[in-house]
Amino acid sequence: MKNLKKLFVGNLPASTTENDLLNLFAQFGTVRSSKLITDIFTDQCKGFGFIGMEGHEARAAIAGLNGKDFNGNSLRVGFETAKSSRR
């Protein structure tokens, strides 16, 4: 896992499950980690999540999924950028 990249996945429908997220990204390679952000009270997706994948697989997932329709929503997929590490 030397080249693990974290991806931000946005504009997810409220009905999205952790399994949906895994299945969506698994077509591009091995998903090392996934975190769907859910509402603490309703347990519904808040519209975004994070995926950890190897570098080349992550780039393929961005190319294949960014702007694509997923259950009626146009996905936003890109590398997560750490705001505090900018120089």
Protein backbone atom coordinates (compact mmCIF):
# COMPACT_ATOMS: atom_id res chain seq x y z
CA MET A 1 0.00 0.00 0.00
CA LYS A 2 2.86 2.34 -0.82
CA ASN A 3 0.89 4.53 -3.19
CA LEU A 4 -2.48 4.77 -1.46
CA LYS A 5 -4.57 7.73 -2.59
CA LYS A 6 -7.64 9.11 -0.88
CA LEU A 7 -10.51 10.10 -3.13
CA PHE A 8 -13.37 12.45 -2.32
CA VAL A 9 -16.72 11.33 -3.71
CA GLY A 10 -19.42 14.00 -3.78
CA ASN A 11 -23.01 14.53 -4.88
CA LEU A 12 -24.10 11.06 -3.75
CA PRO A 13 -27.86 10.42 -3.39
CA ALA A 14 -29.17 10.18 0.20
CA SER A 15 -30.07 6.53 -0.44
CA THR A 16 -26.43 5.53 -1.09
CA THR A 17 -25.06 2.73 1.11
CA GLU A 18 -21.48 1.72 1.95
CA ASN A 19 -21.99 -1.31 -0.34
CA ASP A 20 -23.10 0.94 -3.22
CA LEU A 21 -19.91 2.94 -2.82
CA LEU A 22 -17.72 -0.19 -2.74
CA ASN A 23 -19.40 -1.70 -5.80
CA LEU A 24 -19.10 1.57 -7.72
CA PHE A 25 -15.32 1.78 -7.21
CA ALA A 26 -14.48 -1.95 -7.25
CA GLN A 27 -14.76 -1.97 -11.06
CA PHE A 28 -11.57 0.14 -11.17
CA GLY A 29 -9.48 -1.91 -8.73
CA THR A 30 -9.12 -2.88 -5.10
CA VAL A 31 -10.82 -0.56 -2.63
CA ARG A 32 -8.49 -0.37 0.40
CA SER A 33 -10.79 1.78 2.50
CA SER A 34 -14.18 3.44 2.27
CA LYS A 35 -16.06 5.86 4.46
CA LEU A 36 -19.58 6.97 3.64
CA ILE A 37 -20.53 10.07 5.63
CA THR A 38 -23.98 9.53 7.14
CA ASP A 39 -26.38 11.52 9.27
CA ILE A 40 -26.14 10.44 12.91
CA PHE A 41 -29.92 10.46 13.36
CA THR A 42 -31.32 9.19 10.06
CA ASP A 43 -28.33 7.05 8.99
CA GLN A 44 -28.81 8.42 5.47
CA CYS A 45 -25.88 9.43 3.29
CA LYS A 46 -25.00 13.12 3.64
CA GLY A 47 -24.00 13.22 -0.01
CA PHE A 48 -20.30 12.44 0.19
CA GLY A 49 -17.69 9.92 1.21
CA PHE A 50 -14.07 8.89 0.84
CA ILE A 51 -12.36 5.99 -0.92
CA GLY A 52 -8.79 4.74 -0.56
CA MET A 53 -7.21 3.10 -3.62
CA GLU A 54 -3.79 2.58 -5.20
CA GLY A 55 -2.62 5.51 -7.33
CA HIS A 56 -3.18 4.15 -10.85
CA GLU A 57 -6.54 2.61 -9.84
CA ALA A 58 -7.59 5.87 -8.20
CA ARG A 59 -6.78 7.81 -11.38
CA ALA A 60 -8.80 5.28 -13.43
CA ALA A 61 -11.76 5.67 -11.02
CA ILE A 62 -11.65 9.48 -11.32
CA ALA A 63 -11.52 9.24 -15.13
CA GLY A 64 -14.35 6.72 -15.18
CA LEU A 65 -16.69 8.16 -12.55
CA ASN A 66 -16.27 11.95 -12.33
CA GLY A 67 -19.39 13.54 -13.86
CA LYS A 68 -21.09 10.18 -14.39
CA ASP A 69 -24.72 9.61 -13.44
CA PHE A 70 -25.26 7.55 -10.29
CA ASN A 71 -28.90 7.00 -9.27
CA GLY A 72 -29.89 10.34 -10.79
CA ASN A 73 -26.98 12.42 -9.47
CA SER A 74 -23.90 13.58 -11.36
CA LEU A 75 -20.92 12.34 -9.31
CA ARG A 76 -17.98 14.50 -8.30
CA VAL A 77 -14.86 12.37 -7.86
CA GLY A 78 -11.35 13.67 -7.27
CA PHE A 79 -8.30 13.42 -5.07
CA GLU A 80 -8.90 14.61 -1.53
CA THR A 81 -6.76 17.66 -0.86
CA ALA A 82 -5.52 18.34 2.64
CA LYS A 83 -6.13 22.02 3.30
CA SER A 84 -3.64 22.26 6.18
CA SER A 85 -0.66 20.85 4.25
CA ARG A 86 -0.51 23.61 1.61
CA ARG A 87 2.71 25.61 1.60
